[in-house]
Amino acid sequence: MADVNRGDRPLSPHLSIYRPMYTMILSITHRITGVGLSLGIVLVTWWFLALAIGEKYFAFADAVLTSVFGGLIMIASLWALMFHLCNGIRHLFWDAGYGFELQTAWRSGLAVIAGSIILTILVVAISMGAS
């Protein structure tokens, strides 16, 4: 049977024990962007369903998603997609056994952040030029 009288020792390490580290923050951000992408795809699906339902409902959904607030949500979703993509590529290298050195992990994390921002700006700029 387990020892019930453990004293004041914690049951397991907790976030309050650890100092936030660069790779830890990137990992948490990767998980948050995954959830954010799930929410973003719900909005895009709603837009497509509104298109199938009828003109008036589509006009409403389109007005919501093309408003300033909707545009910010779409840009945030685009950044989340680009971050998830870049960090996924980083993880593929890690799965192959490359990039575990401290300096390489730091640089690849910076590349993920910079790459996601640059790709987001490029896609927004291209889409603005196309419309």
Protein backbone atom coordinates (compact mmCIF):
# COMPACT_ATOMS: atom_id res chain seq x y z
CA MET A 1 0.00 0.00 0.00
CA ALA A 2 1.17 3.54 -0.70
CA ASP A 3 2.68 5.59 2.09
CA VAL A 4 -0.10 8.02 3.05
CA ASN A 5 2.05 9.98 5.50
CA ARG A 6 4.28 11.83 3.01
CA GLY A 7 4.78 15.01 5.03
CA ASP A 8 5.10 18.32 3.21
CA ARG A 9 6.71 16.94 0.07
CA PRO A 10 4.95 17.72 -3.21
CA LEU A 11 3.31 14.86 -5.06
CA SER A 12 5.09 15.72 -8.29
CA PRO A 13 6.99 18.63 -9.84
CA HIS A 14 4.77 21.52 -10.83
CA LEU A 15 5.16 24.56 -13.07
CA SER A 16 5.74 26.74 -10.03
CA ILE A 17 8.99 24.84 -9.38
CA TYR A 18 10.46 25.31 -12.86
CA ARG A 19 11.92 28.52 -14.25
CA PRO A 20 10.26 29.30 -17.62
CA MET A 21 12.68 28.27 -20.35
CA TYR A 22 12.75 29.27 -23.99
CA THR A 23 12.01 25.78 -25.32
CA MET A 24 9.25 25.31 -22.74
CA ILE A 25 7.52 28.51 -23.87
CA LEU A 26 7.80 27.45 -27.52
CA SER A 27 6.33 24.05 -26.65
CA ILE A 28 3.41 25.59 -24.78
CA THR A 29 2.86 28.03 -27.66
CA HIS A 30 2.82 25.08 -30.08
CA ARG A 31 0.05 23.46 -28.07
CA ILE A 32 -1.91 26.71 -27.80
CA THR A 33 -1.67 27.31 -31.54
CA GLY A 34 -2.96 23.78 -32.13
CA VAL A 35 -6.06 24.58 -30.09
CA GLY A 36 -6.33 27.97 -31.81
CA LEU A 37 -6.25 26.30 -35.21
CA SER A 38 -9.13 24.10 -34.15
CA LEU A 39 -11.16 27.17 -33.25
CA GLY A 40 -10.14 28.95 -36.46
CA ILE A 41 -11.27 26.02 -38.61
CA VAL A 42 -14.67 26.21 -36.91
CA LEU A 43 -15.02 29.79 -38.17
CA VAL A 44 -13.99 28.85 -41.70
CA THR A 45 -16.42 25.91 -41.65
CA TRP A 46 -19.17 28.25 -40.43
CA TRP A 47 -18.41 30.55 -43.38
CA PHE A 48 -18.68 27.64 -45.85
CA LEU A 49 -21.90 26.38 -44.25
CA ALA A 50 -23.35 29.88 -44.42
CA LEU A 51 -22.56 29.86 -48.14
CA ALA A 52 -24.50 26.62 -48.51
CA ILE A 53 -27.48 27.80 -46.41
CA GLY A 54 -28.34 30.96 -48.27
CA GLU A 55 -27.50 34.48 -49.37
CA LYS A 56 -28.67 36.34 -46.28
CA TYR A 57 -26.92 34.06 -43.82
CA PHE A 58 -23.75 34.11 -45.93
CA ALA A 59 -23.84 37.92 -46.01
CA PHE A 60 -24.00 37.93 -42.20
CA ALA A 61 -21.14 35.40 -41.79
CA ASP A 62 -19.06 37.20 -44.39
CA ALA A 63 -19.63 40.55 -42.66
CA VAL A 64 -18.48 39.05 -39.35
CA LEU A 65 -15.34 37.46 -40.79
CA THR A 66 -14.38 40.47 -42.92
CA SER A 67 -14.88 42.97 -40.09
CA VAL A 68 -11.85 44.38 -38.29
CA PHE A 69 -12.30 41.92 -35.42
CA GLY A 70 -12.83 39.00 -37.81
CA GLY A 71 -9.77 40.05 -39.81
CA LEU A 72 -7.65 40.09 -36.67
CA ILE A 73 -8.89 36.62 -35.77
CA MET A 74 -8.09 35.36 -39.27
CA ILE A 75 -4.59 36.89 -39.17
CA ALA A 76 -4.01 35.37 -35.72
CA SER A 77 -5.19 32.01 -37.09
CA LEU A 78 -2.85 32.40 -40.05
CA TRP A 79 0.07 33.14 -37.70
CA ALA A 80 -0.89 30.10 -35.60
CA LEU A 81 -0.86 27.96 -38.75
CA MET A 82 2.56 29.27 -39.79
CA PHE A 83 3.97 28.84 -36.26
CA HIS A 84 2.60 25.30 -36.09
CA LEU A 85 4.07 24.53 -39.52
CA CYS A 86 7.53 25.92 -38.72
CA ASN A 87 7.64 24.28 -35.30
CA GLY A 88 6.42 21.02 -36.82
CA ILE A 89 9.36 21.08 -39.23
CA ARG A 90 11.65 21.73 -36.26
CA HIS A 91 10.16 18.70 -34.51
CA LEU A 92 10.74 16.56 -37.61
CA PHE A 93 14.44 17.38 -37.36
CA TRP A 94 14.35 16.51 -33.67
CA ASP A 95 12.62 13.21 -34.49
CA ALA A 96 15.48 12.45 -36.87
CA GLY A 97 17.95 13.13 -34.03
CA TYR A 98 19.24 16.54 -35.13
CA GLY A 99 19.28 19.89 -33.37
CA PHE A 100 19.41 18.91 -29.71
CA GLU A 101 22.50 20.95 -28.94
CA LEU A 102 21.64 23.95 -26.77
CA GLN A 103 22.81 26.54 -29.31
CA THR A 104 21.06 24.76 -32.20
CA ALA A 105 17.81 24.46 -30.24
CA TRP A 106 17.99 28.17 -29.41
CA ARG A 107 18.63 29.16 -33.03
CA SER A 108 15.94 26.87 -34.43
CA GLY A 109 13.47 28.38 -31.95
CA LEU A 110 14.35 31.85 -33.19
CA ALA A 111 13.96 30.60 -36.76
CA VAL A 112 10.49 29.28 -35.91
CA ILE A 113 9.41 32.64 -34.47
CA ALA A 114 10.93 34.68 -37.30
CA GLY A 115 9.71 32.28 -39.98
CA SER A 116 6.15 32.29 -38.70
CA ILE A 117 6.04 36.09 -38.62
CA ILE A 118 7.64 36.46 -42.07
CA LEU A 119 5.38 33.83 -43.65
CA THR A 120 2.29 35.46 -42.11
CA ILE A 121 3.27 38.87 -43.45
CA LEU A 122 3.98 37.39 -46.90
CA VAL A 123 0.65 35.60 -47.11
CA VAL A 124 -1.27 38.69 -45.94
CA ALA A 125 0.62 40.89 -48.42
CA ILE A 126 0.02 38.49 -51.29
CA SER A 127 -3.67 38.12 -50.43
CA MET A 128 -4.08 41.91 -50.18
CA GLY A 129 -2.47 42.32 -53.59
CA ALA A 130 -4.70 39.65 -55.11
CA SER A 131 -7.94 41.29 -54.00
